[in-house]
Amino acid sequence: MDFNFDIIAACGLTQGEFAQLTGASRGTVSNWVHGKSRPTAAYRLHVQKLLKVLTVAHDKGKLPGGIPTVYKGNMSSRRKYIRDTLKRTVSDIKRGVD
């Protein structure tokens, strides 16, 4: 199973933010991104689903190359924006909304 970790940067997320979303450490995510290791069975399905949601959010323009400037300086607001956007995208996927 291949993982396209390029979508993390394409969405304007840091590896640390992706790590928070997966529950893995930033170092672990860095190893995945750089091909030094692969997600273990415990993370594999979650990472696969999260990458799919990020791809859909990015393709639909919900995370178009980054977080709006208003959120760049405030990490708490930035994380909330990312979580809310991903929740809406997951909801849209489940409902079949384009």
Protein backbone atom coordinates (compact mmCIF):
# COMPACT_ATOMS: atom_id res chain seq x y z
CA MET A 1 0.00 0.00 0.00
CA ASP A 2 1.47 3.35 -1.05
CA PHE A 3 0.89 6.51 0.92
CA ASN A 4 1.03 9.91 -0.79
CA PHE A 5 2.37 12.12 1.98
CA ASP A 6 2.85 15.04 -0.46
CA ILE A 7 -0.75 16.03 0.27
CA ILE A 8 0.28 17.08 3.80
CA ALA A 9 2.41 19.95 2.46
CA ALA A 10 -0.05 20.63 -0.37
CA CYS A 11 -2.71 21.35 2.25
CA GLY A 12 -0.37 23.62 4.18
CA LEU A 13 -0.07 21.29 7.15
CA THR A 14 3.13 20.71 9.06
CA GLN A 15 4.29 17.21 9.91
CA GLY A 16 3.59 18.09 13.54
CA GLU A 17 -0.02 18.98 12.76
CA PHE A 18 -0.44 15.76 10.77
CA ALA A 19 1.07 13.89 13.73
CA GLN A 20 -1.52 15.42 16.05
CA LEU A 21 -4.29 14.32 13.71
CA THR A 22 -2.96 10.75 13.60
CA GLY A 23 -1.87 10.41 17.21
CA ALA A 24 1.68 9.53 16.12
CA SER A 25 4.77 11.51 17.11
CA ARG A 26 6.19 14.15 14.78
CA GLY A 27 9.34 12.03 14.43
CA THR A 28 7.30 9.02 13.38
CA VAL A 29 5.46 11.07 10.76
CA SER A 30 8.80 12.45 9.53
CA ASN A 31 10.04 8.88 9.09
CA TRP A 32 6.92 7.98 7.10
CA VAL A 33 7.24 11.05 4.88
CA HIS A 34 10.92 10.41 4.16
CA GLY A 35 10.42 6.69 3.54
CA LYS A 36 12.47 5.59 6.56
CA SER A 37 9.52 3.58 7.88
CA ARG A 38 5.90 2.85 7.05
CA PRO A 39 2.82 3.19 9.24
CA THR A 40 2.37 0.15 11.46
CA ALA A 41 -0.84 -1.85 11.41
CA ALA A 42 -2.10 0.25 14.33
CA TYR A 43 -1.86 3.44 12.25
CA ARG A 44 -2.24 2.19 8.68
CA LEU A 45 -6.02 2.44 8.25
CA HIS A 46 -6.28 5.73 10.13
CA VAL A 47 -3.45 7.30 8.08
CA GLN A 48 -4.95 6.00 4.85
CA LYS A 49 -8.36 7.51 5.69
CA LEU A 50 -6.84 10.80 6.83
CA LEU A 51 -4.79 11.13 3.64
CA LYS A 52 -7.95 10.45 1.61
CA VAL A 53 -9.85 13.15 3.48
CA LEU A 54 -6.99 15.62 3.03
CA THR A 55 -6.89 14.83 -0.70
CA VAL A 56 -10.64 15.37 -1.07
CA ALA A 57 -10.50 18.60 0.98
CA HIS A 58 -7.62 19.87 -1.13
CA ASP A 59 -9.20 18.86 -4.44
CA LYS A 60 -12.46 20.59 -3.51
CA GLY A 61 -10.60 23.76 -2.58
CA LYS A 62 -11.33 23.49 1.13
CA LEU A 63 -7.62 23.37 1.97
CA PRO A 64 -6.24 25.00 -1.19
CA GLY A 65 -2.52 25.02 -0.60
CA GLY A 66 -2.73 26.24 2.92
CA ILE A 67 -4.60 27.72 5.79
CA PRO A 68 -6.07 31.22 5.36
CA THR A 69 -3.68 33.94 6.49
CA VAL A 70 -5.90 34.91 9.42
CA TYR A 71 -5.06 31.58 11.10
CA LYS A 72 -1.31 31.52 10.45
CA GLY A 73 -0.23 33.24 13.66
CA ASN A 74 -2.72 31.67 16.04
CA MET A 75 -1.96 27.95 16.39
CA SER A 76 -5.10 27.19 18.40
CA SER A 77 -7.35 28.76 15.74
CA ARG A 78 -5.29 27.10 13.00
CA ARG A 79 -5.79 23.61 14.51
CA LYS A 80 -9.51 24.30 14.99
CA TYR A 81 -9.82 25.42 11.34
CA ILE A 82 -8.08 22.24 10.16
CA ARG A 83 -10.22 19.98 12.39
CA ASP A 84 -13.46 21.70 11.36
CA THR A 85 -12.57 21.55 7.66
CA LEU A 86 -11.69 17.86 7.90
CA LYS A 87 -14.89 17.09 9.83
CA ARG A 88 -16.98 18.83 7.15
CA THR A 89 -15.11 16.96 4.43
CA VAL A 90 -15.66 13.59 6.14
CA SER A 91 -19.34 14.45 6.52
CA ASP A 92 -19.55 15.39 2.82
CA ILE A 93 -17.83 12.12 1.82
CA LYS A 94 -20.28 10.09 3.92
CA ARG A 95 -23.26 11.91 2.39
CA GLY A 96 -21.85 11.71 -1.13
CA VAL A 97 -21.80 15.49 -1.56
CA ASP A 98 -19.59 16.91 -4.33
